[in-house]
N, C-alpha and C. Protein backbone atom coordinates (compact mmCIF):
# COMPACT_ATOMS: atom_id res chain seq x y z
N MET A 1 0.87 -1.34 -0.05
CA MET A 1 0.16 0.07 0.09
C MET A 1 0.80 1.24 0.12
N ASN A 2 1.76 1.14 0.70
CA ASN A 2 2.87 2.31 0.57
C ASN A 2 3.40 2.69 -0.97
N ARG A 3 3.75 1.48 -1.53
CA ARG A 3 4.29 2.01 -2.88
C ARG A 3 3.03 2.47 -3.83
N LEU A 4 1.98 2.13 -3.46
CA LEU A 4 0.66 2.33 -4.20
C LEU A 4 0.30 3.65 -3.99
N GLY A 5 0.33 4.27 -2.73
CA GLY A 5 0.03 5.57 -2.23
C GLY A 5 1.11 6.47 -2.94
N ILE A 6 2.17 6.10 -2.88
CA ILE A 6 3.46 7.21 -3.67
C ILE A 6 3.03 7.23 -4.99
N VAL A 7 2.57 6.38 -5.60
CA VAL A 7 2.58 6.31 -7.12
C VAL A 7 1.08 7.27 -7.32
N VAL A 8 0.18 7.06 -6.62
CA VAL A 8 -0.91 7.73 -6.61
C VAL A 8 -0.84 9.09 -6.33
N ILE A 9 -0.01 9.58 -5.27
CA ILE A 9 0.07 10.96 -4.92
C ILE A 9 1.13 11.45 -6.08
N ALA A 10 1.87 10.86 -6.62
CA ALA A 10 2.84 11.22 -7.66
C ALA A 10 2.18 11.60 -8.92
N ILE A 11 1.10 10.85 -9.22
CA ILE A 11 0.08 11.09 -10.49
C ILE A 11 -0.72 12.06 -10.22
N LEU A 12 -1.21 12.37 -8.97
CA LEU A 12 -2.02 13.53 -8.51
C LEU A 12 -1.18 14.78 -8.58
N SER A 13 -0.16 14.70 -8.15
CA SER A 13 0.83 15.95 -8.17
C SER A 13 1.16 16.45 -9.71
N SER A 14 1.50 15.30 -10.50
CA SER A 14 1.83 15.52 -11.88
C SER A 14 0.60 16.44 -12.41
N ILE A 15 -0.76 15.54 -12.13
CA ILE A 15 -1.99 16.34 -12.90
C ILE A 15 -2.06 17.82 -12.33
N ALA A 16 -1.81 18.09 -11.12
CA ALA A 16 -2.29 19.28 -10.28
C ALA A 16 -1.10 20.27 -10.90
N ALA A 17 0.22 19.91 -11.08
CA ALA A 17 1.16 20.77 -11.66
C ALA A 17 0.72 21.18 -13.13
N TRP A 18 0.44 20.10 -13.86
CA TRP A 18 0.09 20.33 -15.37
C TRP A 18 -0.98 21.35 -15.36
N LEU A 19 -2.09 21.16 -14.68
CA LEU A 19 -3.40 22.02 -14.59
C LEU A 19 -2.95 23.40 -14.16
N TRP A 20 -2.07 23.49 -13.18
CA TRP A 20 -1.53 24.89 -12.48
C TRP A 20 -0.90 25.70 -13.81
N PHE A 21 0.06 25.15 -14.37
CA PHE A 21 0.88 25.77 -15.43
C PHE A 21 0.65 25.65 -16.82
N ALA A 22 -0.41 24.83 -17.02
CA ALA A 22 -0.94 24.80 -18.57
C ALA A 22 -1.52 25.93 -18.72
N PRO A 23 -1.48 26.45 -19.95
CA PRO A 23 -1.90 27.75 -20.46
C PRO A 23 -3.39 27.81 -20.61
N ASP A 24 -4.06 28.80 -20.32
CA ASP A 24 -5.64 28.77 -20.44
C ASP A 24 -6.06 28.99 -21.79
N ASP A 25 -6.90 28.11 -22.49
CA ASP A 25 -7.33 28.11 -23.93
C ASP A 25 -8.11 29.53 -24.11
N THR A 26 -8.85 30.01 -23.30
CA THR A 26 -9.64 31.12 -23.24
C THR A 26 -8.88 32.33 -23.33
N SER A 27 -7.63 32.33 -22.51
CA SER A 27 -6.94 33.69 -22.48
C SER A 27 -5.99 33.66 -23.90
N LEU A 28 -5.57 32.54 -24.43
CA LEU A 28 -4.84 32.57 -25.47
C LEU A 28 -5.89 32.57 -26.49
N SER A 29 -7.03 32.49 -26.48
CA SER A 29 -7.80 32.68 -27.99
C SER A 29 -8.17 34.20 -27.76
N MET A 30 -8.45 34.66 -26.59
CA MET A 30 -8.94 36.05 -26.34
C MET A 30 -7.83 36.89 -26.91
N ALA A 31 -6.51 36.60 -26.72
CA ALA A 31 -5.33 37.21 -27.12
C ALA A 31 -5.24 37.52 -28.79
N GLN A 32 -5.47 36.08 -29.21
CA GLN A 32 -5.24 36.17 -30.68
C GLN A 32 -6.55 36.75 -31.37
N GLU A 33 -7.51 36.99 -30.69
CA GLU A 33 -8.54 37.89 -31.08
C GLU A 33 -8.44 39.29 -30.98
N ASN A 34 -7.76 39.89 -29.99
CA ASN A 34 -7.53 40.88 -29.89
C ASN A 34 -6.49 41.62 -30.87
N GLU A 35 -5.67 40.61 -31.19
CA GLU A 35 -4.72 40.95 -32.41
C GLU A 35 -5.62 41.56 -33.55
N LEU A 36 -6.84 40.97 -33.69
CA LEU A 36 -7.62 41.22 -34.94
C LEU A 36 -8.33 42.71 -34.78
N PHE A 37 -8.50 43.23 -33.67
CA PHE A 37 -9.39 44.49 -33.40
C PHE A 37 -8.22 45.55 -33.42
N PRO A 38 -8.32 46.73 -33.90
CA PRO A 38 -7.25 47.70 -33.83
C PRO A 38 -7.08 48.51 -32.57
N ASP A 39 -6.01 48.94 -32.19
CA ASP A 39 -5.70 49.55 -30.91
C ASP A 39 -6.39 50.77 -30.72
N TYR A 40 -6.50 51.56 -32.04
CA TYR A 40 -7.13 52.98 -31.98
C TYR A 40 -7.61 52.98 -33.35
N ILE A 41 -8.70 53.90 -33.49
CA ILE A 41 -9.51 54.20 -34.67
C ILE A 41 -9.50 55.81 -34.85
N ALA A 42 -9.19 56.26 -35.82
CA ALA A 42 -9.32 57.60 -36.21
C ALA A 42 -10.00 58.09 -37.41
N GLU A 43 -10.83 59.02 -37.53
CA GLU A 43 -11.71 59.52 -38.78
C GLU A 43 -11.19 60.74 -39.18
N GLN A 44 -11.09 60.88 -40.58
CA GLN A 44 -10.54 62.37 -41.04
C GLN A 44 -9.20 62.68 -40.55
N VAL A 45 -8.41 61.90 -40.77
CA VAL A 45 -6.88 61.97 -40.58
C VAL A 45 -6.01 63.08 -41.39
N VAL A 46 -5.14 63.73 -40.71
CA VAL A 46 -4.28 64.56 -41.63
C VAL A 46 -2.88 64.18 -41.05
N LEU A 47 -1.93 63.88 -41.80
CA LEU A 47 -0.45 63.77 -41.32
C LEU A 47 0.68 64.61 -42.29
N ARG A 48 1.20 65.57 -41.59
CA ARG A 48 2.25 66.32 -42.21
C ARG A 48 3.67 65.72 -41.73
N ILE A 49 4.58 65.57 -42.70
CA ILE A 49 5.87 65.03 -42.37
C ILE A 49 6.75 66.28 -42.80
N TYR A 50 7.78 66.70 -42.19
CA TYR A 50 8.62 67.82 -42.25
C TYR A 50 10.00 67.44 -42.49
N ASP A 51 10.95 68.09 -43.45
CA ASP A 51 12.26 67.61 -43.70
C ASP A 51 12.83 68.34 -42.57
N ASN A 52 14.40 68.06 -42.66
CA ASN A 52 15.26 68.61 -41.72
C ASN A 52 15.37 70.41 -41.62
N GLU A 53 14.97 70.71 -42.68
CA GLU A 53 14.98 72.36 -42.87
C GLU A 53 13.63 72.92 -42.42
N GLY A 54 12.51 72.07 -42.14
CA GLY A 54 11.23 72.62 -41.71
C GLY A 54 10.24 72.79 -42.56
N TYR A 55 10.90 72.29 -43.88
CA TYR A 55 9.79 72.39 -45.14
C TYR A 55 8.80 71.28 -45.34
N LEU A 56 7.62 71.42 -45.55
CA LEU A 56 6.74 70.20 -45.90
C LEU A 56 7.35 69.17 -46.77
N ALA A 57 7.47 67.92 -46.40
CA ALA A 57 8.16 66.65 -47.18
C ALA A 57 7.14 65.75 -47.86
N ASP A 58 5.88 65.70 -47.08
CA ASP A 58 4.93 64.72 -47.44
C ASP A 58 3.53 65.03 -46.62
N HIS A 59 2.70 65.06 -47.26
CA HIS A 59 1.28 65.37 -46.55
C HIS A 59 0.37 64.01 -46.90
N MET A 60 -0.38 63.59 -45.87
CA MET A 60 -1.33 62.62 -46.24
C MET A 60 -2.59 62.88 -45.61
N GLN A 61 -4.09 62.58 -46.01
CA GLN A 61 -5.03 62.38 -45.46
C GLN A 61 -5.86 61.57 -45.86
N ALA A 62 -6.69 61.07 -44.97
CA ALA A 62 -7.59 59.81 -45.13
C ALA A 62 -8.85 59.97 -44.47
N SER A 63 -10.04 59.18 -44.73
CA SER A 63 -11.24 59.33 -44.26
C SER A 63 -11.21 58.45 -42.88
N GLY A 64 -10.21 57.49 -42.92
CA GLY A 64 -10.42 56.63 -41.70
C GLY A 64 -8.99 55.83 -41.62
N LEU A 65 -8.86 55.35 -40.31
CA LEU A 65 -7.39 55.15 -39.84
C LEU A 65 -7.69 54.14 -38.92
N GLU A 66 -7.00 52.60 -39.05
CA GLU A 66 -6.99 51.60 -38.16
C GLU A 66 -5.77 51.28 -37.56
N HIS A 67 -5.45 51.47 -36.42
CA HIS A 67 -3.70 51.03 -36.40
C HIS A 67 -3.79 49.74 -35.42
N PHE A 68 -2.99 48.77 -35.78
CA PHE A 68 -2.74 47.58 -35.07
C PHE A 68 -1.28 47.26 -34.55
N GLU A 69 -1.32 47.58 -33.35
CA GLU A 69 0.06 47.46 -32.76
C GLU A 69 0.97 46.22 -32.86
N GLN A 70 -0.04 45.32 -32.32
CA GLN A 70 0.44 43.60 -32.19
C GLN A 70 0.83 43.27 -33.54
N LEU A 71 0.09 43.56 -34.49
CA LEU A 71 0.55 43.11 -36.05
C LEU A 71 1.38 43.98 -36.79
N GLY A 72 1.72 45.22 -36.23
CA GLY A 72 2.65 46.26 -36.80
C GLY A 72 2.33 46.86 -38.21
N PHE A 73 0.99 47.48 -38.32
CA PHE A 73 0.71 48.21 -39.59
C PHE A 73 -0.57 49.11 -39.20
N THR A 74 -0.62 49.94 -40.02
CA THR A 74 -1.82 50.76 -39.92
C THR A 74 -2.43 51.04 -41.27
N GLN A 75 -3.69 50.73 -41.13
CA GLN A 75 -4.71 50.78 -42.35
C GLN A 75 -5.44 51.83 -42.78
N PHE A 76 -5.40 52.34 -43.91
CA PHE A 76 -6.14 53.55 -44.34
C PHE A 76 -7.29 53.28 -45.12
N GLU A 77 -8.21 54.19 -44.98
CA GLU A 77 -9.33 54.20 -45.90
C GLU A 77 -9.44 55.55 -46.68
N GLN A 78 -9.47 55.36 -47.89
CA GLN A 78 -9.42 56.71 -49.06
C GLN A 78 -8.39 57.55 -48.59
N PRO A 79 -7.16 56.90 -48.58
CA PRO A 79 -5.71 57.93 -48.36
C PRO A 79 -5.36 58.67 -49.56
N ARG A 80 -4.61 59.77 -49.42
CA ARG A 80 -4.42 60.63 -50.30
C ARG A 80 -3.22 61.39 -49.88
N TYR A 81 -1.88 60.69 -50.56
CA TYR A 81 -0.66 61.57 -50.09
C TYR A 81 -0.13 62.29 -51.15
N THR A 82 0.47 63.20 -50.56
CA THR A 82 0.97 64.38 -51.56
C THR A 82 2.35 64.50 -51.14
N LEU A 83 3.48 64.16 -52.30
CA LEU A 83 4.84 64.22 -52.07
C LEU A 83 5.26 65.45 -52.63
N PHE A 84 6.36 66.20 -52.03
CA PHE A 84 6.94 67.50 -52.36
C PHE A 84 8.36 67.12 -53.01
N ASN A 85 8.64 68.13 -53.80
CA ASN A 85 10.11 67.93 -54.64
C ASN A 85 11.05 68.71 -53.76
N GLU A 86 12.15 68.92 -54.47
CA GLU A 86 13.38 69.25 -53.56
C GLU A 86 12.92 70.92 -53.70
N GLN A 87 12.25 71.59 -54.53
CA GLN A 87 11.91 72.90 -54.59
C GLN A 87 10.74 73.15 -53.29
N HIS A 88 10.33 72.19 -52.79
CA HIS A 88 9.29 72.24 -51.77
C HIS A 88 7.70 72.50 -52.40
N MET A 89 7.83 72.22 -53.51
CA MET A 89 6.46 72.31 -54.19
C MET A 89 5.54 70.94 -54.49
N ALA A 90 4.41 71.02 -54.08
CA ALA A 90 3.61 69.65 -54.46
C ALA A 90 3.90 69.16 -55.82
N ALA A 91 4.54 67.92 -55.87
CA ALA A 91 4.84 67.47 -57.27
C ALA A 91 4.06 66.20 -57.68
N TRP A 92 3.66 65.39 -56.45
CA TRP A 92 2.72 64.13 -56.86
C TRP A 92 1.52 63.85 -55.92
N GLU A 93 0.54 63.54 -56.45
CA GLU A 93 -0.48 63.15 -55.46
C GLU A 93 -0.93 61.79 -55.70
N ILE A 94 -0.82 61.01 -54.76
CA ILE A 94 -1.21 59.25 -54.82
C ILE A 94 -2.46 59.02 -54.16
N SER A 95 -3.38 58.43 -54.51
CA SER A 95 -4.78 58.20 -54.01
C SER A 95 -5.15 56.77 -54.21
N SER A 96 -5.91 56.05 -53.35
CA SER A 96 -6.54 54.73 -53.55
C SER A 96 -7.64 54.58 -52.75
N ARG A 97 -8.46 53.42 -52.61
CA ARG A 97 -9.40 53.16 -51.80
C ARG A 97 -8.98 52.68 -50.40
N PHE A 98 -7.82 52.02 -50.51
CA PHE A 98 -7.38 51.32 -49.12
C PHE A 98 -5.95 51.17 -49.34
N ALA A 99 -5.11 51.47 -48.00
CA ALA A 99 -3.65 51.44 -47.92
C ALA A 99 -3.27 50.85 -46.73
N VAL A 100 -2.15 50.21 -46.62
CA VAL A 100 -1.65 49.57 -45.45
C VAL A 100 -0.25 50.36 -45.22
N TRP A 101 -0.03 51.01 -43.98
CA TRP A 101 1.37 51.55 -44.10
C TRP A 101 2.29 50.82 -43.00
N PHE A 102 3.23 50.22 -43.06
CA PHE A 102 3.98 49.42 -42.38
C PHE A 102 5.15 50.21 -41.92
N PRO A 103 5.89 49.93 -40.54
CA PRO A 103 6.69 50.95 -39.85
C PRO A 103 8.01 51.21 -40.63
N GLU A 104 8.35 50.52 -41.60
CA GLU A 104 9.59 50.95 -42.59
C GLU A 104 9.26 51.99 -43.55
N ASP A 105 8.04 52.63 -43.29
CA ASP A 105 7.68 53.54 -44.41
C ASP A 105 7.53 53.02 -45.69
N LYS A 106 6.87 51.65 -45.67
CA LYS A 106 6.50 51.10 -46.99
C LYS A 106 4.93 51.13 -46.88
N ILE A 107 4.23 51.67 -47.99
CA ILE A 107 2.85 51.80 -48.11
C ILE A 107 2.48 50.68 -49.17
N MET A 108 1.53 50.10 -48.88
CA MET A 108 0.77 49.23 -49.96
C MET A 108 -0.55 49.69 -50.37
N LEU A 109 -0.89 50.37 -51.37
CA LEU A 109 -1.98 50.92 -51.73
C LEU A 109 -3.08 49.96 -52.64
N GLU A 110 -4.27 49.76 -52.49
CA GLU A 110 -5.20 48.98 -52.87
C GLU A 110 -6.25 49.39 -53.77
N GLN A 111 -6.75 49.01 -54.87
CA GLN A 111 -7.89 49.49 -55.64
C GLN A 111 -8.01 50.87 -55.88
N ASP A 112 -8.12 51.02 -57.11
CA ASP A 112 -8.24 52.44 -57.99
C ASP A 112 -7.18 53.22 -57.44
N VAL A 113 -5.88 52.63 -57.72
CA VAL A 113 -4.83 53.75 -57.40
C VAL A 113 -4.39 54.32 -58.30
N ALA A 114 -4.28 55.52 -57.85
CA ALA A 114 -3.83 56.80 -59.18
C ALA A 114 -2.74 57.62 -58.74
N ILE A 115 -1.86 57.99 -59.54
CA ILE A 115 -0.78 58.84 -59.19
C ILE A 115 -0.95 60.19 -60.17
N ARG A 116 -0.96 61.39 -59.59
CA ARG A 116 -1.21 62.53 -60.59
C ARG A 116 -0.32 63.48 -60.35
N ASN A 117 0.42 63.78 -61.41
CA ASN A 117 1.44 64.73 -61.45
C ASN A 117 1.21 66.07 -61.00
N LEU A 118 1.41 66.69 -60.44
CA LEU A 118 0.85 68.33 -60.02
C LEU A 118 1.79 69.32 -60.45
N LEU A 119 2.62 68.95 -61.34
CA LEU A 119 3.77 69.79 -61.68
C LEU A 119 3.16 70.04 -63.14
N PRO A 120 2.94 71.50 -63.68
CA PRO A 120 2.60 71.79 -65.32
C PRO A 120 3.81 71.53 -65.95
N GLY A 121 3.39 70.91 -67.30
CA GLY A 121 4.43 70.65 -68.13
C GLY A 121 5.19 69.65 -68.18
N GLU A 122 4.92 68.53 -67.33
CA GLU A 122 5.66 67.47 -67.13
C GLU A 122 5.24 66.33 -68.21
N LEU A 123 6.11 65.27 -68.48
CA LEU A 123 5.61 64.29 -69.47
C LEU A 123 4.73 63.46 -69.20
N VAL A 124 4.60 62.88 -67.84
CA VAL A 124 3.63 61.98 -67.45
C VAL A 124 2.47 62.67 -66.51
N ASP A 125 1.19 62.74 -66.92
CA ASP A 125 0.23 63.31 -66.11
C ASP A 125 -0.35 62.47 -65.00
N ARG A 126 -0.51 61.10 -65.37
CA ARG A 126 -1.21 60.30 -64.28
C ARG A 126 -0.79 58.70 -64.85
N ILE A 127 -0.81 57.97 -63.62
CA ILE A 127 -0.65 56.43 -63.45
C ILE A 127 -1.58 55.97 -62.73
N ASP A 128 -2.09 54.80 -63.53
CA ASP A 128 -3.44 54.27 -62.87
C ASP A 128 -2.97 52.79 -62.79
N SER A 129 -3.31 51.99 -61.67
CA SER A 129 -3.33 50.75 -61.29
C SER A 129 -4.11 50.18 -60.41
N VAL A 130 -4.28 48.81 -60.27
CA VAL A 130 -4.98 48.33 -58.94
C VAL A 130 -4.49 48.08 -57.75
N GLU A 131 -3.04 48.06 -57.83
CA GLU A 131 -2.18 47.87 -56.58
C GLU A 131 -1.02 48.61 -56.67
N LEU A 132 -0.33 48.96 -55.90
CA LEU A 132 0.97 50.00 -55.59
C LEU A 132 1.58 49.83 -54.40
N THR A 133 3.05 49.87 -54.49
CA THR A 133 3.68 49.96 -53.18
C THR A 133 4.65 51.08 -53.38
N ILE A 134 4.49 51.86 -52.30
CA ILE A 134 5.52 53.10 -52.26
C ILE A 134 6.53 52.86 -51.23
N LEU A 135 7.75 53.30 -51.52
CA LEU A 135 8.63 53.30 -50.44
C LEU A 135 8.88 54.64 -50.11
N LEU A 136 8.78 55.36 -49.06
CA LEU A 136 8.53 56.64 -49.00
C LEU A 136 10.12 57.41 -48.96
N PRO A 137 10.97 56.81 -48.04
CA PRO A 137 12.19 57.52 -48.12
C PRO A 137 12.79 57.74 -49.38
N GLU A 138 12.61 56.65 -50.28
CA GLU A 138 13.24 56.99 -51.70
C GLU A 138 12.32 57.29 -52.52
N LYS A 139 10.91 57.75 -52.29
CA LYS A 139 10.07 57.95 -53.19
C LYS A 139 10.03 57.20 -54.59
N THR A 140 10.07 55.98 -54.26
CA THR A 140 9.90 54.71 -55.49
C THR A 140 8.60 54.20 -55.38
N VAL A 141 8.14 53.91 -56.54
CA VAL A 141 6.79 53.00 -56.53
C VAL A 141 6.95 51.76 -57.35
N GLN A 142 6.29 50.92 -57.07
CA GLN A 142 6.35 49.66 -57.81
C GLN A 142 5.02 48.91 -57.69
N THR A 143 4.75 48.04 -58.91
CA THR A 143 3.77 47.19 -58.97
C THR A 143 4.12 46.13 -60.11
N HIS A 144 3.32 44.94 -59.84
CA HIS A 144 3.19 43.95 -60.85
C HIS A 144 2.20 43.88 -61.68
N GLU A 145 1.19 44.59 -61.32
CA GLU A 145 -0.02 44.78 -61.87
C GLU A 145 -0.12 45.37 -62.95
N ALA A 146 -1.46 45.48 -63.82
CA ALA A 146 -1.51 46.20 -64.91
C ALA A 146 -1.38 47.95 -64.86
N VAL A 147 -0.92 48.58 -65.60
CA VAL A 147 -0.90 49.85 -65.42
C VAL A 147 -1.04 50.71 -66.63
N SER A 148 -1.81 51.92 -66.39
CA SER A 148 -1.82 52.61 -67.61
C SER A 148 -1.27 54.08 -67.22
N ILE A 149 -0.31 54.50 -68.30
CA ILE A 149 0.50 55.65 -68.08
C ILE A 149 -0.31 56.90 -69.07
N GLU A 150 -0.54 57.86 -68.69
CA GLU A 150 -1.27 58.82 -69.37
C GLU A 150 -0.39 60.27 -69.32
N GLY A 151 0.14 60.94 -70.64
CA GLY A 151 0.41 62.02 -70.80
C GLY A 151 -0.45 62.98 -71.83
N GLU A 152 0.07 64.21 -71.93
CA GLU A 152 -0.24 64.93 -73.30
C GLU A 152 -0.13 64.15 -74.40
N GLY A 153 -1.37 63.87 -75.04
CA GLY A 153 -1.31 63.14 -76.30
C GLY A 153 -1.00 61.67 -76.47
N PHE A 154 -0.75 60.95 -75.10
CA PHE A 154 -0.51 59.52 -75.29
C PHE A 154 -1.13 58.78 -74.10
N ILE A 155 -1.46 57.47 -74.30
CA ILE A 155 -1.72 56.47 -73.16
C ILE A 155 -0.64 55.14 -73.44
N ILE A 156 -0.25 54.82 -72.31
CA ILE A 156 0.74 53.73 -72.55
C ILE A 156 0.17 52.57 -71.44
N LYS A 157 -0.01 51.41 -72.05
CA LYS A 157 -0.65 50.40 -71.02
C LYS A 157 0.41 49.16 -70.97
N GLY A 158 0.67 48.65 -69.91
CA GLY A 158 1.78 47.62 -69.61
C GLY A 158 1.10 46.90 -68.31
N ILE A 159 2.28 45.99 -67.94
CA ILE A 159 2.26 45.41 -66.98
C ILE A 159 3.47 45.23 -66.30
N GLY A 160 3.41 45.80 -64.88
CA GLY A 160 4.69 45.94 -63.80
C GLY A 160 5.14 47.45 -63.99
N LEU A 161 5.58 47.85 -63.20
CA LEU A 161 6.14 49.44 -63.14
C LEU A 161 7.15 49.46 -62.10
N GLN A 162 8.34 50.06 -62.38
CA GLN A 162 9.35 50.53 -61.22
C GLN A 162 9.27 51.97 -61.57
N ALA A 163 9.30 53.01 -60.77
CA ALA A 163 9.39 54.30 -60.97
C ALA A 163 10.17 55.08 -59.64
N ASN A 164 11.00 56.01 -59.97
CA ASN A 164 11.42 56.86 -58.89
C ASN A 164 10.91 58.30 -59.07
N LEU A 165 9.71 58.74 -58.26
CA LEU A 165 9.22 59.96 -58.42
C LEU A 165 10.10 61.27 -58.22
N GLU A 166 10.95 61.03 -57.56
CA GLU A 166 11.96 62.28 -57.25
C GLU A 166 12.91 62.21 -58.41
N GLN A 167 13.48 61.21 -58.97
CA GLN A 167 14.25 61.32 -59.88
C GLN A 167 13.48 61.43 -61.35
N LYS A 168 12.49 61.30 -61.18
CA LYS A 168 11.55 61.29 -62.56
C LYS A 168 11.91 60.16 -63.57
N THR A 169 12.17 58.86 -63.23
CA THR A 169 12.50 57.68 -63.75
C THR A 169 11.39 56.59 -63.90
N LEU A 170 11.16 55.91 -65.06
CA LEU A 170 10.10 54.94 -64.89
C LEU A 170 10.26 54.04 -65.69
N GLN A 171 10.01 52.87 -65.48
CA GLN A 171 10.32 51.58 -66.23
C GLN A 171 9.03 50.62 -66.18
N LEU A 172 8.82 50.18 -67.51
CA LEU A 172 7.69 49.06 -67.47
C LEU A 172 8.26 47.78 -67.54
N THR A 173 7.55 46.75 -66.91
CA THR A 173 8.32 45.45 -67.05
C THR A 173 7.78 44.81 -68.38
N THR A 174 6.62 45.15 -68.66
CA THR A 174 6.25 44.57 -70.05
C THR A 174 5.28 45.72 -70.75
N HIS A 175 5.54 46.15 -71.79
CA HIS A 175 4.82 46.85 -72.57
C HIS A 175 3.65 46.26 -73.19
N LEU A 176 2.55 46.75 -73.32
CA LEU A 176 1.49 46.17 -74.11
C LEU A 176 0.95 46.92 -75.21
N GLU A 177 0.95 48.32 -74.91
CA GLU A 177 0.50 49.26 -76.18
C GLU A 177 0.72 50.80 -76.25
N THR A 178 1.04 51.36 -77.15
CA THR A 178 1.03 52.91 -76.94
C THR A 178 -0.01 53.50 -77.77
N ARG A 179 -0.72 54.23 -77.37
CA ARG A 179 -1.93 54.93 -78.32
C ARG A 179 -1.64 56.42 -78.05
N TYR A 180 -1.40 57.25 -79.27
CA TYR A 180 -1.52 58.64 -79.45
C TYR A 180 -2.68 59.21 -79.85
N HIS A 181 -3.03 60.22 -79.28
CA HIS A 181 -4.44 60.65 -79.54
C HIS A 181 -4.61 61.32 -80.78
N ASN A 182 -3.57 61.38 -81.47
CA ASN A 182 -3.97 61.94 -83.05
C ASN A 182 -3.96 60.45 -84.08
N GLU A 183 -4.12 59.31 -83.53
CA GLU A 183 -4.28 57.87 -84.13
C GLU A 183 -5.76 57.52 -83.97
N ASN A 184 -6.46 57.26 -84.78
CA ASN A 184 -7.60 56.80 -84.86
C ASN A 184 -8.03 55.48 -84.19
């Protein structure tokens, strides 16, 4: 009986220790569910980023914002970004229906993405796509989706784009067609 009692006590102690230290499934599932809820929500958001000299470098506004701290990103509804050139003039306006801003200043825009050139007399007036990624420090944009580039007197259609908005360079991955407005 003495050996049997020791074995029973050891089994009960093991079960008690396991129950004491085992993670609670409900607290674990609640933590996972809380990841899916934003830490804060804002409406009619305006963000201004200034350079080292105090000039406006970037301007962003959105109808809605949801910040997810644990997931590490901020989601925007109807964002509109304005990028400024070296002469501190508004040069480009980028808009879409939705965007996700990641901590390393990488912005992924989705649905009805439009880039408008705000400076007069430039070759490219507008770029349209369904998806686009912006790297803000470098002011580069890229996509692997279909794009349409409009300028005065022409429209270029292609798939995939790499562009530097500051250096005014643009490269299509695949060119599909170019249509001039004087063609029928």
